[in-house]
Amino acid sequence: MLLPLFMATALFHHGWANYDQTRELDYTGVVQEIAYENPHGILKLEHEGKTWTVVLAPTSRMRDRGLAADMIKPDDTVRVVGYPHKEEENEMRAERIFVGDKKFELR
């Protein structure tokens, strides 16, 4: 089930200018899928009946900030705060993610 997400990871490597930094999103939801790989981690988050593609930081940055690959799994509940894509519906760039009682700054 994760293979299509892993294969699509390269497609989501957007410039940060493509995200609307004037509109902060703050969503808590259930992780449907996660790809912890470069160029950026990606997770699919179910929030209020919509599935959001959440672009995370590069894996090296996430590791450096304490967010290991095994800390987020499908069916986990996480909170993400970030910015929506200007053109891609239901896509956001995460600035921070809350896993359990820990906050991880991704930028």
Protein backbone atom coordinates (compact mmCIF):
# COMPACT_ATOMS: atom_id res chain seq x y z
CA MET A 1 0.00 0.00 0.00
CA LEU A 2 2.88 2.41 0.63
CA LEU A 3 4.61 1.75 -2.69
CA PRO A 4 2.57 4.31 -4.70
CA LEU A 5 3.32 6.94 -2.07
CA PHE A 6 7.04 6.16 -2.17
CA MET A 7 7.07 6.30 -5.96
CA ALA A 8 5.26 9.62 -5.94
CA THR A 9 7.56 11.27 -3.41
CA ALA A 10 9.73 12.91 -6.08
CA LEU A 11 6.65 14.48 -7.63
CA PHE A 12 6.02 16.49 -4.47
CA HIS A 13 9.35 18.30 -4.44
CA HIS A 14 7.98 21.82 -4.85
CA GLY A 15 9.59 25.14 -4.23
CA TRP A 16 8.49 26.65 -0.93
CA ALA A 17 7.15 29.70 -2.80
CA ASN A 18 4.27 27.46 -3.93
CA TYR A 19 2.83 27.50 -0.40
CA ASP A 20 0.68 30.31 0.97
CA GLN A 21 2.47 31.49 4.11
CA THR A 22 -0.35 33.92 4.88
CA ARG A 23 -2.75 31.03 5.66
CA GLU A 24 -1.60 28.81 8.50
CA LEU A 25 -3.34 25.45 8.83
CA ASP A 26 -3.43 23.51 12.12
CA TYR A 27 -4.84 20.01 11.69
CA THR A 28 -5.01 16.95 13.89
CA GLY A 29 -5.80 13.71 12.14
CA VAL A 30 -5.03 10.08 11.52
CA VAL A 31 -2.00 9.08 9.43
CA GLN A 32 -3.10 7.00 6.45
CA GLU A 33 0.36 6.55 4.89
CA ILE A 34 3.89 7.81 5.48
CA ALA A 35 7.03 7.90 3.35
CA TYR A 36 10.14 8.78 5.34
CA GLU A 37 12.51 9.38 2.44
CA ASN A 38 14.13 12.13 0.40
CA PRO A 39 13.76 14.64 -1.05
CA HIS A 40 11.06 15.20 1.60
CA GLY A 41 9.04 12.99 3.87
CA ILE A 42 5.39 12.78 2.91
CA LEU A 43 2.39 11.69 4.90
CA LYS A 44 -1.27 11.34 4.09
CA LEU A 45 -3.41 12.74 6.90
CA GLU A 46 -7.14 12.16 7.27
CA HIS A 47 -8.70 15.33 8.74
CA GLU A 48 -12.46 15.97 8.89
CA GLY A 49 -13.25 13.70 5.96
CA LYS A 50 -10.45 14.97 3.70
CA THR A 51 -7.11 13.36 3.00
CA TRP A 52 -4.27 15.87 3.05
CA THR A 53 -0.85 15.32 1.51
CA VAL A 54 1.56 16.74 4.06
CA VAL A 55 5.06 17.55 2.80
CA LEU A 56 7.55 17.13 5.63
CA ALA A 57 11.23 18.07 5.87
CA PRO A 58 14.11 16.06 4.40
CA THR A 59 14.85 12.94 6.44
CA SER A 60 18.24 14.26 7.60
CA ARG A 61 16.61 17.34 9.11
CA MET A 62 13.88 15.29 10.77
CA ARG A 63 16.49 12.93 12.28
CA ASP A 64 18.63 15.87 13.43
CA ARG A 65 15.61 17.31 15.23
CA GLY A 66 14.74 14.01 16.89
CA LEU A 67 11.97 12.72 14.64
CA ALA A 68 12.97 9.14 13.80
CA ALA A 69 11.36 7.08 11.04
CA ASP A 70 9.70 4.69 13.48
CA MET A 71 7.94 7.44 15.46
CA ILE A 72 5.01 7.84 13.02
CA LYS A 73 3.03 4.92 11.66
CA PRO A 74 -0.27 4.50 9.83
CA ASP A 75 -3.25 4.85 12.20
CA ASP A 76 -1.29 7.19 14.53
CA THR A 77 -2.89 10.52 15.38
CA VAL A 78 -0.64 13.53 14.78
CA ARG A 79 -1.04 17.29 14.64
CA VAL A 80 0.54 19.28 11.80
CA VAL A 81 0.87 23.03 11.47
CA GLY A 82 1.83 24.47 8.12
CA TYR A 83 0.82 26.22 4.93
CA PRO A 84 -1.50 25.16 2.09
CA HIS A 85 -0.23 24.76 -1.45
CA LYS A 86 -1.36 27.64 -3.67
CA GLU A 87 -2.55 25.37 -6.49
CA GLU A 88 -2.67 21.75 -5.30
CA GLU A 89 -5.86 21.07 -3.40
CA ASN A 90 -5.44 19.29 -0.04
CA GLU A 91 -1.65 19.63 0.05
CA MET A 92 0.27 21.44 2.76
CA ARG A 93 3.87 22.00 3.81
CA ALA A 94 4.37 21.22 7.47
CA GLU A 95 6.29 23.71 9.59
CA ARG A 96 5.94 21.59 12.72
CA ILE A 97 4.49 18.27 13.71
CA PHE A 98 3.30 17.04 17.08
CA VAL A 99 3.77 13.33 17.74
CA GLY A 100 2.41 12.23 21.09
CA ASP A 101 3.44 14.93 23.56
CA LYS A 102 6.49 16.06 21.52
CA LYS A 103 6.75 18.97 19.07
CA PHE A 104 9.20 18.82 16.16
CA GLU A 105 10.12 21.96 14.21
CA LEU A 106 10.64 21.00 10.58
CA ARG A 107 11.95 24.26 9.10
